Amino acid sequence: MEMGNRPQRQMHDVSALNLACTECNSPIKELPFEPTQRQDGTYGRLYCYDCNKKRKPSFRGGHGGGFGR
């Protein structure tokens, strides 16, 4: 199976939860998963698409796997 032919993720509408990005505080309307509420009433650290993309390491030509650090 080719990597470019992965099925698109199902997006979940979370606009009714009034979630905001941890990094830039922009509203989050959709997530690729259904967030679960913690015991303290929060949903933990959630990131918008752009901030999450900045956080992820690049898998193209990186310097090893980064395991064991």
PDB file of N, CA and C in Angstrom:
ATOM      1  N   MET A   1       0.838  -1.186   0.000  1.00  0.00           N
ATOM      2  CA  MET A   1       0.000   0.000   0.000  1.00  0.00           C
ATOM      3  C   MET A   1       0.880   1.247   0.000  1.00  0.00           C
ATOM      4  N   GLU A   2       0.567   2.171  -0.858  1.00  0.00           N
ATOM      5  CA  GLU A   2       1.347   3.402  -0.940  1.00  0.00           C
ATOM      6  C   GLU A   2       0.952   4.350   0.180  1.00  0.00           C
ATOM      7  N   MET A   3       1.931   5.100   0.689  1.00  0.00           N
ATOM      8  CA  MET A   3       1.670   6.028   1.783  1.00  0.00           C
ATOM      9  C   MET A   3       0.726   7.159   1.368  1.00  0.00           C
ATOM     10  N   GLY A   4       0.775   7.580   0.106  1.00  0.00           N
ATOM     11  CA  GLY A   4      -0.049   8.689  -0.344  1.00  0.00           C
ATOM     12  C   GLY A   4      -1.513   8.330  -0.519  1.00  0.00           C
ATOM     13  N   ASN A   5      -1.854   7.050  -0.405  1.00  0.00           N
ATOM     14  CA  ASN A   5      -3.224   6.608  -0.615  1.00  0.00           C
ATOM     15  C   ASN A   5      -3.952   6.266   0.677  1.00  0.00           C
ATOM     16  N   ARG A   6      -3.517   6.840   1.776  1.00  0.00           N
ATOM     17  CA  ARG A   6      -4.195   6.583   3.046  1.00  0.00           C
ATOM     18  C   ARG A   6      -5.590   7.189   3.024  1.00  0.00           C
ATOM     19  N   PRO A   7      -6.567   6.521   3.652  1.00  0.00           N
ATOM     20  CA  PRO A   7      -7.904   7.113   3.714  1.00  0.00           C
ATOM     21  C   PRO A   7      -7.903   8.358   4.588  1.00  0.00           C
ATOM     22  N   GLN A   8      -8.754   9.298   4.244  1.00  0.00           N
ATOM     23  CA  GLN A   8      -8.839  10.541   5.016  1.00  0.00           C
ATOM     24  C   GLN A   8      -9.450  10.248   6.383  1.00  0.00           C
ATOM     25  N   ARG A   9      -8.910  10.890   7.417  1.00  0.00           N
ATOM     26  CA  ARG A   9      -9.426  10.698   8.768  1.00  0.00           C
ATOM     27  C   ARG A   9     -10.800  11.320   8.914  1.00  0.00           C
ATOM     28  N   GLN A  10     -11.619  10.672   9.724  1.00  0.00           N
ATOM     29  CA  GLN A  10     -12.922  11.229  10.036  1.00  0.00           C
ATOM     30  C   GLN A  10     -12.719  12.367  11.035  1.00  0.00           C
ATOM     31  N   MET A  11     -13.315  13.504  10.756  1.00  0.00           N
ATOM     32  CA  MET A  11     -13.204  14.648  11.649  1.00  0.00           C
ATOM     33  C   MET A  11     -14.468  14.739  12.506  1.00  0.00           C
ATOM     34  N   HIS A  12     -14.275  15.104  13.778  1.00  0.00           N
ATOM     35  CA  HIS A  12     -15.383  15.222  14.721  1.00  0.00           C
ATOM     36  C   HIS A  12     -15.631  16.698  15.034  1.00  0.00           C
ATOM     37  N   ASP A  13     -16.874  17.106  14.919  1.00  0.00           N
ATOM     38  CA  ASP A  13     -17.262  18.488  15.212  1.00  0.00           C
ATOM     39  C   ASP A  13     -17.243  18.689  16.727  1.00  0.00           C
ATOM     40  N   VAL A  14     -16.350  19.573  17.203  1.00  0.00           N
ATOM     41  CA  VAL A  14     -16.234  19.843  18.641  1.00  0.00           C
ATOM     42  C   VAL A  14     -16.552  21.310  18.942  1.00  0.00           C
ATOM     43  N   SER A  15     -17.208  21.989  18.001  1.00  0.00           N
ATOM     44  CA  SER A  15     -17.478  23.421  18.178  1.00  0.00           C
ATOM     45  C   SER A  15     -18.350  23.706  19.400  1.00  0.00           C
ATOM     46  N   ALA A  16     -19.226  22.781  19.773  1.00  0.00           N
ATOM     47  CA  ALA A  16     -20.102  22.994  20.939  1.00  0.00           C
ATOM     48  C   ALA A  16     -19.322  22.956  22.255  1.00  0.00           C
ATOM     49  N   LEU A  17     -18.087  22.418  22.229  1.00  0.00           N
ATOM     50  CA  LEU A  17     -17.280  22.320  23.451  1.00  0.00           C
ATOM     51  C   LEU A  17     -16.493  23.589  23.743  1.00  0.00           C
ATOM     52  N   ASN A  18     -16.475  24.546  22.788  1.00  0.00           N
ATOM     53  CA  ASN A  18     -15.730  25.807  22.947  1.00  0.00           C
ATOM     54  C   ASN A  18     -14.271  25.573  23.326  1.00  0.00           C
ATOM     55  N   LEU A  19     -13.590  24.716  22.564  1.00  0.00           N
ATOM     56  CA  LEU A  19     -12.185  24.410  22.818  1.00  0.00           C
ATOM     57  C   LEU A  19     -11.289  25.432  22.132  1.00  0.00           C
ATOM     58  N   ALA A  20     -10.129  25.680  22.738  1.00  0.00           N
ATOM     59  CA  ALA A  20      -9.144  26.600  22.164  1.00  0.00           C
ATOM     60  C   ALA A  20      -7.786  25.922  22.138  1.00  0.00           C
ATOM     61  N   CYS A  21      -6.982  26.292  21.156  1.00  0.00           N
ATOM     62  CA  CYS A  21      -5.637  25.752  21.003  1.00  0.00           C
ATOM     63  C   CYS A  21      -4.775  26.157  22.200  1.00  0.00           C
ATOM     64  N   THR A  22      -4.024  25.210  22.718  1.00  0.00           N
ATOM     65  CA  THR A  22      -3.124  25.455  23.840  1.00  0.00           C
ATOM     66  C   THR A  22      -2.030  26.455  23.472  1.00  0.00           C
ATOM     67  N   GLU A  23      -1.576  26.391  22.218  1.00  0.00           N
ATOM     68  CA  GLU A  23      -0.457  27.212  21.768  1.00  0.00           C
ATOM     69  C   GLU A  23      -0.867  28.639  21.384  1.00  0.00           C
ATOM     70  N   CYS A  24      -1.853  28.773  20.484  1.00  0.00           N
ATOM     71  CA  CYS A  24      -2.185  30.098  19.936  1.00  0.00           C
ATOM     72  C   CYS A  24      -3.550  30.619  20.373  1.00  0.00           C
ATOM     73  N   ASN A  25      -4.298  29.820  21.116  1.00  0.00           N
ATOM     74  CA  ASN A  25      -5.601  30.181  21.666  1.00  0.00           C
ATOM     75  C   ASN A  25      -6.694  30.380  20.608  1.00  0.00           C
ATOM     76  N   SER A  26      -6.468  29.911  19.386  1.00  0.00           N
ATOM     77  CA  SER A  26      -7.513  30.013  18.372  1.00  0.00           C
ATOM     78  C   SER A  26      -8.558  28.926  18.619  1.00  0.00           C
ATOM     79  N   PRO A  27      -9.808  29.190  18.242  1.00  0.00           N
ATOM     80  CA  PRO A  27     -10.865  28.193  18.478  1.00  0.00           C
ATOM     81  C   PRO A  27     -10.641  26.923  17.667  1.00  0.00           C
ATOM     82  N   ILE A  28     -10.949  25.794  18.278  1.00  0.00           N
ATOM     83  CA  ILE A  28     -10.847  24.504  17.603  1.00  0.00           C
ATOM     84  C   ILE A  28     -12.267  24.045  17.305  1.00  0.00           C
ATOM     85  N   LYS A  29     -12.568  23.870  16.035  1.00  0.00           N
ATOM     86  CA  LYS A  29     -13.908  23.468  15.601  1.00  0.00           C
ATOM     87  C   LYS A  29     -13.994  21.974  15.295  1.00  0.00           C
ATOM     88  N   GLU A  30     -12.882  21.379  14.818  1.00  0.00           N
ATOM     89  CA  GLU A  30     -12.859  19.961  14.458  1.00  0.00           C
ATOM     90  C   GLU A  30     -11.585  19.302  14.957  1.00  0.00           C
ATOM     91  N   LEU A  31     -11.710  18.023  15.317  1.00  0.00           N
ATOM     92  CA  LEU A  31     -10.555  17.219  15.710  1.00  0.00           C
ATOM     93  C   LEU A  31     -10.664  15.854  15.031  1.00  0.00           C
ATOM     94  N   PRO A  32      -9.531  15.197  14.798  1.00  0.00           N
ATOM     95  CA  PRO A  32      -9.573  13.872  14.188  1.00  0.00           C
ATOM     96  C   PRO A  32      -9.899  12.766  15.204  1.00  0.00           C
ATOM     97  N   PHE A  33     -10.358  13.144  16.383  1.00  0.00           N
ATOM     98  CA  PHE A  33     -10.744  12.199  17.427  1.00  0.00           C
ATOM     99  C   PHE A  33     -11.775  12.891  18.317  1.00  0.00           C
ATOM    100  N   GLU A  34     -12.480  12.104  19.100  1.00  0.00           N
ATOM    101  CA  GLU A  34     -13.416  12.673  20.060  1.00  0.00           C
ATOM    102  C   GLU A  34     -12.675  12.862  21.379  1.00  0.00           C
ATOM    103  N   PRO A  35     -12.520  14.104  21.841  1.00  0.00           N
ATOM    104  CA  PRO A  35     -11.779  14.325  23.084  1.00  0.00           C
ATOM    105  C   PRO A  35     -12.563  13.813  24.295  1.00  0.00           C
ATOM    106  N   THR A  36     -11.826  13.324  25.269  1.00  0.00           N
ATOM    107  CA  THR A  36     -12.463  12.860  26.500  1.00  0.00           C
ATOM    108  C   THR A  36     -12.121  13.835  27.621  1.00  0.00           C
ATOM    109  N   GLN A  37     -13.108  14.090  28.437  1.00  0.00           N
ATOM    110  CA  GLN A  37     -12.934  15.044  29.528  1.00  0.00           C
ATOM    111  C   GLN A  37     -12.221  14.373  30.696  1.00  0.00           C
ATOM    112  N   ARG A  38     -11.245  15.086  31.259  1.00  0.00           N
ATOM    113  CA  ARG A  38     -10.489  14.588  32.412  1.00  0.00           C
ATOM    114  C   ARG A  38     -11.297  14.771  33.687  1.00  0.00           C
ATOM    115  N   GLN A  39     -10.773  14.219  34.777  1.00  0.00           N
ATOM    116  CA  GLN A  39     -11.433  14.346  36.072  1.00  0.00           C
ATOM    117  C   GLN A  39     -11.507  15.798  36.532  1.00  0.00           C
ATOM    118  N   ASP A  40     -10.539  16.624  36.105  1.00  0.00           N
ATOM    119  CA  ASP A  40     -10.542  18.028  36.521  1.00  0.00           C
ATOM    120  C   ASP A  40     -11.454  18.894  35.638  1.00  0.00           C
ATOM    121  N   GLY A  41     -12.160  18.266  34.683  1.00  0.00           N
ATOM    122  CA  GLY A  41     -13.105  18.994  33.846  1.00  0.00           C
ATOM    123  C   GLY A  41     -12.511  19.553  32.558  1.00  0.00           C
ATOM    124  N   THR A  42     -11.201  19.407  32.355  1.00  0.00           N
ATOM    125  CA  THR A  42     -10.558  19.910  31.143  1.00  0.00           C
ATOM    126  C   THR A  42     -10.410  18.783  30.123  1.00  0.00           C
ATOM    127  N   TYR A  43      -9.969  19.142  28.941  1.00  0.00           N
ATOM    128  CA  TYR A  43      -9.714  18.163  27.886  1.00  0.00           C
ATOM    129  C   TYR A  43      -8.217  17.997  27.632  1.00  0.00           C
ATOM    130  N   GLY A  44      -7.402  18.526  28.506  1.00  0.00           N
ATOM    131  CA  GLY A  44      -5.960  18.409  28.333  1.00  0.00           C
ATOM    132  C   GLY A  44      -5.454  19.400  27.293  1.00  0.00           C
ATOM    133  N   ARG A  45      -4.268  19.162  26.794  1.00  0.00           N
ATOM    134  CA  ARG A  45      -3.652  20.053  25.801  1.00  0.00           C
ATOM    135  C   ARG A  45      -4.128  19.667  24.406  1.00  0.00           C
ATOM    136  N   LEU A  46      -4.825  20.581  23.764  1.00  0.00           N
ATOM    137  CA  LEU A  46      -5.300  20.373  22.406  1.00  0.00           C
ATOM    138  C   LEU A  46      -4.704  21.459  21.523  1.00  0.00           C
ATOM    139  N   TYR A  47      -4.380  21.097  20.289  1.00  0.00           N
ATOM    140  CA  TYR A  47      -3.728  22.023  19.368  1.00  0.00           C
ATOM    141  C   TYR A  47      -4.521  22.127  18.074  1.00  0.00           C
ATOM    142  N   CYS A  48      -4.548  23.331  17.503  1.00  0.00           N
ATOM    143  CA  CYS A  48      -5.169  23.539  16.201  1.00  0.00           C
ATOM    144  C   CYS A  48      -4.305  22.855  15.141  1.00  0.00           C
ATOM    145  N   TYR A  49      -4.808  22.776  13.926  1.00  0.00           N
ATOM    146  CA  TYR A  49      -4.096  22.093  12.844  1.00  0.00           C
ATOM    147  C   TYR A  49      -2.701  22.679  12.633  1.00  0.00           C
ATOM    148  N   ASP A  50      -2.600  23.995  12.548  1.00  0.00           N
ATOM    149  CA  ASP A  50      -1.313  24.640  12.262  1.00  0.00           C
ATOM    150  C   ASP A  50      -0.300  24.423  13.390  1.00  0.00           C
ATOM    151  N   CYS A  51      -0.722  24.607  14.627  1.00  0.00           N
ATOM    152  CA  CYS A  51       0.201  24.423  15.759  1.00  0.00           C
ATOM    153  C   CYS A  51       0.608  22.959  15.912  1.00  0.00           C
ATOM    154  N   ASN A  52      -0.310  22.048  15.658  1.00  0.00           N
ATOM    155  CA  ASN A  52       0.016  20.634  15.749  1.00  0.00           C
ATOM    156  C   ASN A  52       1.013  20.245  14.663  1.00  0.00           C
ATOM    157  N   LYS A  53       0.865  20.817  13.498  1.00  0.00           N
ATOM    158  CA  LYS A  53       1.784  20.537  12.394  1.00  0.00           C
ATOM    159  C   LYS A  53       3.203  21.016  12.743  1.00  0.00           C
ATOM    160  N   LYS A  54       3.323  22.156  13.415  1.00  0.00           N
ATOM    161  CA  LYS A  54       4.625  22.682  13.831  1.00  0.00           C
ATOM    162  C   LYS A  54       5.279  21.798  14.888  1.00  0.00           C
ATOM    163  N   ARG A  55       4.462  21.160  15.735  1.00  0.00           N
ATOM    164  CA  ARG A  55       4.972  20.343  16.829  1.00  0.00           C
ATOM    165  C   ARG A  55       5.482  18.991  16.362  1.00  0.00           C
ATOM    166  N   LYS A  56       4.897  18.443  15.300  1.00  0.00           N
ATOM    167  CA  LYS A  56       5.267  17.101  14.840  1.00  0.00           C
ATOM    168  C   LYS A  56       6.635  17.111  14.182  1.00  0.00           C
ATOM    169  N   PRO A  57       7.462  16.126  14.501  1.00  0.00           N
ATOM    170  CA  PRO A  57       8.764  16.032  13.833  1.00  0.00           C
ATOM    171  C   PRO A  57       8.572  15.590  12.387  1.00  0.00           C
ATOM    172  N   SER A  58       9.443  16.029  11.535  1.00  0.00           N
ATOM    173  CA  SER A  58       9.395  15.632  10.132  1.00  0.00           C
ATOM    174  C   SER A  58       9.951  14.224   9.993  1.00  0.00           C
ATOM    175  N   PHE A  59       9.263  13.390   9.244  1.00  0.00           N
ATOM    176  CA  PHE A  59       9.725  12.027   9.033  1.00  0.00           C
ATOM    177  C   PHE A  59      10.519  11.906   7.739  1.00  0.00           C
ATOM    178  N   ARG A  60      10.737  12.996   7.062  1.00  0.00           N
ATOM    179  CA  ARG A  60      11.472  12.974   5.809  1.00  0.00           C
ATOM    180  C   ARG A  60      12.915  13.407   6.050  1.00  0.00           C
ATOM    181  N   GLY A  61      13.829  12.473   5.926  1.00  0.00           N
ATOM    182  CA  GLY A  61      15.249  12.797   6.022  1.00  0.00           C
ATOM    183  C   GLY A  61      15.692  13.289   7.377  1.00  0.00           C
ATOM    184  N   GLY A  62      15.058  12.819   8.444  1.00  0.00           N
ATOM    185  CA  GLY A  62      15.432  13.261   9.781  1.00  0.00           C
ATOM    186  C   GLY A  62      16.754  12.651  10.219  1.00  0.00           C
ATOM    187  N   HIS A  63      17.135  12.911  11.430  1.00  0.00           N
ATOM    188  CA  HIS A  63      18.396  12.409  11.988  1.00  0.00           C
ATOM    189  C   HIS A  63      18.141  11.231  12.902  1.00  0.00           C
ATOM    190  N   GLY A  64      17.559  10.172  12.368  1.00  0.00           N
ATOM    191  CA  GLY A  64      17.304   8.997  13.168  1.00  0.00           C
ATOM    192  C   GLY A  64      15.912   9.047  13.769  1.00  0.00           C
ATOM    193  N   GLY A  65      15.600   8.012  14.542  1.00  0.00           N
ATOM    194  CA  GLY A  65      14.266   7.872  15.089  1.00  0.00           C
ATOM    195  C   GLY A  65      13.998   8.708  16.316  1.00  0.00           C
ATOM    196  N   GLY A  66      15.040   9.088  17.049  1.00  0.00           N
ATOM    197  CA  GLY A  66      14.831   9.888  18.247  1.00  0.00           C
ATOM    198  C   GLY A  66      14.448   9.064  19.460  1.00  0.00           C
ATOM    199  N   PHE A  67      14.529   7.753  19.338  1.00  0.00           N
ATOM    200  CA  PHE A  67      14.176   6.905  20.472  1.00  0.00           C
ATOM    201  C   PHE A  67      15.329   6.855  21.470  1.00  0.00           C
ATOM    202  N   GLY A  68      14.987   6.668  22.740  1.00  0.00           N
ATOM    203  CA  GLY A  68      15.998   6.513  23.763  1.00  0.00           C
ATOM    204  C   GLY A  68      16.544   7.828  24.291  1.00  0.00           C
ATOM    205  N   ARG A  69      15.924   8.922  23.990  1.00  0.00           N
ATOM    206  CA  ARG A  69      16.407  10.208  24.496  1.00  0.00           C
ATOM    207  C   ARG A  69      15.789  10.536  25.810  1.00  0.00           C
TER     208      ARG A  69
END
